[in-house]
């Protein structure tokens, strides 16, 4: 016997991409995207794009912010699509912790979207990176301990700051009690923007 009336179920995945400024796109949805419509910046990477990896102690504040700043600068440069930028933490205890809420609010005000959770840097992460940039002494020590698994170049962030600058970014969690979070975030952001401009200039000669 033939059954003519079939029950129709709703699709498991929507045909529409998220309209939020964030970067995540479901792989199933991505196949359905009209390629004539621009997608988020880092989707324009070629298969052989080089990887820049920012490392910080927790991966909850400084490295995600540096990632977004450099992504923005690359998107506005001739290197658009040639480099992918990621961030990781080097302390296992902070793996999968939410991005610092105060920093996320601060970043939203200036146009940077910090989504998701911190991720601990695995050996494959460091092995696949072409340029690794430690932002603090903990992450710098991490690269030295795991130097045998690193194939790319390691350059502490201070290398890209003016002479006499601190080699590392200040830890926002170790600020003085009298200092408001936004004040330290402003200082960190200024250093990151300056350093990322120098990184963008130096990338072609390094990787």
Protein backbone atom coordinates (compact mmCIF):
# COMPACT_ATOMS: atom_id res chain seq x y z
CA UNK A 1 0.00 0.00 0.00
CA UNK A 2 1.34 3.47 -0.91
CA UNK A 3 1.17 6.30 1.59
CA UNK A 4 0.57 9.59 -0.20
CA UNK A 5 0.42 11.91 2.77
CA UNK A 6 3.95 12.36 4.10
CA UNK A 7 4.64 14.29 7.26
CA UNK A 8 6.88 17.31 6.64
CA UNK A 9 9.42 18.14 9.32
CA UNK A 10 11.09 21.55 9.72
CA UNK A 11 14.76 21.71 8.53
CA UNK A 12 17.42 20.99 11.10
CA UNK A 13 19.40 24.06 10.06
CA UNK A 14 18.20 27.48 9.02
CA UNK A 15 18.99 28.74 5.53
CA UNK A 16 19.90 32.13 6.94
CA UNK A 17 23.29 33.06 8.33
CA UNK A 18 23.47 34.79 11.71
CA UNK A 19 23.21 38.55 11.31
CA UNK A 20 25.31 39.23 14.40
CA UNK A 21 28.76 40.68 13.89
CA UNK A 22 30.36 37.54 15.34
CA UNK A 23 32.51 35.20 13.28
CA UNK A 24 30.97 31.75 13.86
CA UNK A 25 29.13 30.19 10.92
CA UNK A 26 27.69 26.69 11.04
CA UNK A 27 29.44 24.55 8.37
CA UNK A 28 26.09 23.22 7.14
CA UNK A 29 24.76 26.75 6.74
CA UNK A 30 27.95 27.87 5.03
CA UNK A 31 27.27 25.51 2.11
CA UNK A 32 23.98 27.32 1.50
CA UNK A 33 25.47 30.83 1.44
CA UNK A 34 25.17 32.93 -1.72
CA UNK A 35 28.82 33.46 -2.61
CA UNK A 36 28.03 36.85 -4.11
CA UNK A 37 27.18 38.15 -0.65
CA UNK A 38 30.17 39.22 1.49
CA UNK A 39 30.67 37.06 4.57
CA UNK A 40 32.64 37.78 7.76
CA UNK A 41 36.20 38.97 7.22
CA UNK A 42 38.18 35.87 8.08
CA UNK A 43 36.10 33.74 5.68
CA UNK A 44 38.09 35.27 2.83
CA UNK A 45 41.20 33.24 3.70
CA UNK A 46 42.84 31.05 1.13
CA UNK A 47 43.59 27.43 1.96
CA UNK A 48 47.28 28.21 2.38
CA UNK A 49 46.78 31.27 4.62
CA UNK A 50 49.50 31.74 7.22
CA UNK A 51 48.54 31.66 10.90
CA UNK A 52 49.37 34.24 13.54
CA UNK A 53 48.78 32.97 17.08
CA UNK A 54 48.50 35.26 20.11
CA UNK A 55 49.16 33.65 23.50
CA UNK A 56 48.39 34.94 26.98
CA UNK A 57 48.23 33.45 30.46
CA UNK A 58 44.48 32.79 30.53
CA UNK A 59 43.34 33.45 26.99
CA UNK A 60 40.39 35.38 28.42
CA UNK A 61 41.29 39.00 27.72
CA UNK A 62 44.55 40.16 26.15
CA UNK A 63 44.96 37.54 23.43
CA UNK A 64 41.31 37.67 22.21
CA UNK A 65 41.50 41.47 22.03
CA UNK A 66 44.81 41.35 20.14
CA UNK A 67 43.28 38.79 17.76
CA UNK A 68 40.37 41.08 16.88
CA UNK A 69 42.56 44.18 16.49
CA UNK A 70 44.94 42.41 14.11
CA UNK A 71 42.04 40.85 12.19
CA UNK A 72 40.62 44.32 11.65
CA UNK A 73 43.96 45.71 10.46
CA UNK A 74 44.49 42.81 8.09
CA UNK A 75 40.99 43.24 6.65
CA UNK A 76 41.87 46.83 5.75
CA UNK A 77 45.25 45.98 4.21
CA UNK A 78 46.62 44.40 1.00
CA UNK A 79 47.10 41.20 3.04
CA UNK A 80 43.35 40.67 3.30
CA UNK A 81 42.68 36.91 3.09
CA UNK A 82 46.33 35.90 3.35
CA UNK A 83 46.56 35.54 7.12
CA UNK A 84 44.36 33.96 9.78
CA UNK A 85 44.64 35.11 13.38
CA UNK A 86 43.80 33.10 16.48
CA UNK A 87 44.29 33.30 20.24
CA UNK A 88 44.92 30.80 23.00
CA UNK A 89 45.69 30.62 26.70
CA UNK A 90 48.61 28.74 28.21
CA UNK A 91 47.11 27.78 31.58
CA UNK A 92 45.04 24.60 31.51
CA UNK A 93 42.89 25.70 34.45
CA UNK A 94 41.36 28.49 32.35
CA UNK A 95 40.43 26.32 29.38
CA UNK A 96 36.83 27.00 28.25
CA UNK A 97 36.35 29.92 30.64
CA UNK A 98 34.15 32.80 29.37
CA UNK A 99 35.88 35.82 27.92
CA UNK A 100 36.32 38.53 30.58
CA UNK A 101 32.89 40.16 30.85
CA UNK A 102 34.23 43.63 31.67
CA UNK A 103 36.54 43.51 28.67
CA UNK A 104 33.75 42.26 26.44
CA UNK A 105 31.59 45.25 27.42
CA UNK A 106 34.52 47.60 26.86
CA UNK A 107 35.30 46.05 23.47
CA UNK A 108 31.66 46.26 22.33
CA UNK A 109 31.75 50.03 22.81
CA UNK A 110 34.66 50.41 20.40
CA UNK A 111 33.44 47.94 17.81
CA UNK A 112 35.21 44.68 18.68
CA UNK A 113 33.14 41.56 19.34
CA UNK A 114 34.73 39.12 21.77
CA UNK A 115 32.72 35.94 21.71
CA UNK A 116 33.04 32.44 23.05
CA UNK A 117 35.43 30.99 25.57
CA UNK A 118 39.13 30.81 26.22
CA UNK A 119 40.93 27.82 24.74
CA UNK A 120 44.06 26.20 26.05
CA UNK A 121 46.87 26.05 23.50
CA UNK A 122 47.54 22.48 22.42
CA UNK A 123 50.73 21.28 20.77
CA UNK A 124 49.01 21.13 17.35
CA UNK A 125 48.03 24.79 17.81
CA UNK A 126 51.64 25.85 18.28
CA UNK A 127 52.97 23.45 15.64
CA UNK A 128 50.64 24.83 12.97
CA UNK A 129 51.26 28.52 13.68
CA UNK A 130 53.63 30.42 11.41
CA UNK A 131 54.06 33.27 13.88
CA UNK A 132 53.52 32.99 17.63
CA UNK A 133 53.29 36.16 19.70
CA UNK A 134 53.40 35.75 23.51
CA UNK A 135 51.77 38.68 25.28
CA UNK A 136 53.07 37.99 28.80
CA UNK A 137 55.94 36.17 30.48
CA UNK A 138 53.80 33.09 31.22
CA UNK A 139 53.05 32.56 27.54
CA UNK A 140 56.66 33.35 26.61
CA UNK A 141 57.82 30.65 29.05
CA UNK A 142 55.24 28.30 27.50
CA UNK A 143 56.82 28.67 24.06
CA UNK A 144 60.25 27.93 25.51
CA UNK A 145 59.05 24.79 27.27
CA UNK A 146 57.38 23.54 24.07
CA UNK A 147 59.95 24.86 21.60
CA UNK A 148 60.46 21.38 20.11
CA UNK A 149 56.86 21.37 18.85
CA UNK A 150 57.05 24.87 17.36
CA UNK A 151 57.86 25.12 13.67
CA UNK A 152 57.19 28.82 13.17
CA UNK A 153 58.71 32.01 14.54
CA UNK A 154 58.21 33.22 18.12
CA UNK A 155 58.30 36.98 18.73
CA UNK A 156 57.26 38.43 22.12
CA UNK A 157 54.81 41.29 21.73
CA UNK A 158 57.28 43.81 23.15
CA UNK A 159 59.41 43.41 20.01
CA UNK A 160 56.72 45.33 18.13
CA UNK A 161 56.54 48.22 20.62
CA UNK A 162 58.81 51.29 20.77
CA UNK A 163 62.23 50.90 22.36
CA UNK A 164 62.07 51.07 26.12
CA UNK A 165 58.55 49.66 26.30
CA UNK A 166 57.73 46.75 28.58
CA UNK A 167 58.24 43.45 26.73
CA UNK A 168 54.80 42.27 27.85
CA UNK A 169 51.28 43.60 28.25
CA UNK A 170 50.10 44.32 31.76
CA UNK A 171 47.85 41.70 33.34
CA UNK A 172 44.41 43.32 33.80
CA UNK A 173 43.70 41.03 36.75
CA UNK A 174 46.73 42.30 38.67
CA UNK A 175 45.77 45.99 38.56
CA UNK A 176 45.76 48.27 41.59
CA UNK A 177 42.49 48.36 43.48
CA UNK A 178 42.16 52.09 42.81
CA UNK A 179 42.40 51.59 39.05
CA UNK A 180 39.13 51.09 37.20
CA UNK A 181 38.97 48.17 34.71
CA UNK A 182 38.30 50.55 31.81
CA UNK A 183 41.50 52.46 32.54
CA UNK A 184 43.71 49.39 32.27
CA UNK A 185 41.78 48.18 29.21
CA UNK A 186 42.44 51.52 27.51
CA UNK A 187 46.16 51.20 28.20
CA UNK A 188 46.21 47.62 26.92
CA UNK A 189 44.22 48.56 23.82
CA UNK A 190 46.60 51.42 22.96
CA UNK A 191 49.59 49.07 23.20
CA UNK A 192 47.82 46.36 21.18
CA UNK A 193 46.84 48.76 18.40
CA UNK A 194 50.36 50.13 18.17
CA UNK A 195 51.94 46.68 18.27
CA UNK A 196 49.53 45.22 15.71
CA UNK A 197 50.37 48.02 13.28
CA UNK A 198 54.03 47.04 13.53
CA UNK A 199 53.16 43.34 13.24
CA UNK A 200 51.28 44.02 10.02
CA UNK A 201 54.33 45.80 8.60
CA UNK A 202 56.69 43.03 9.67
CA UNK A 203 54.65 39.95 8.68
CA UNK A 204 55.76 39.76 5.02
CA UNK A 205 59.42 39.52 5.97
CA UNK A 206 58.85 36.96 8.74
CA UNK A 207 56.43 34.37 7.30
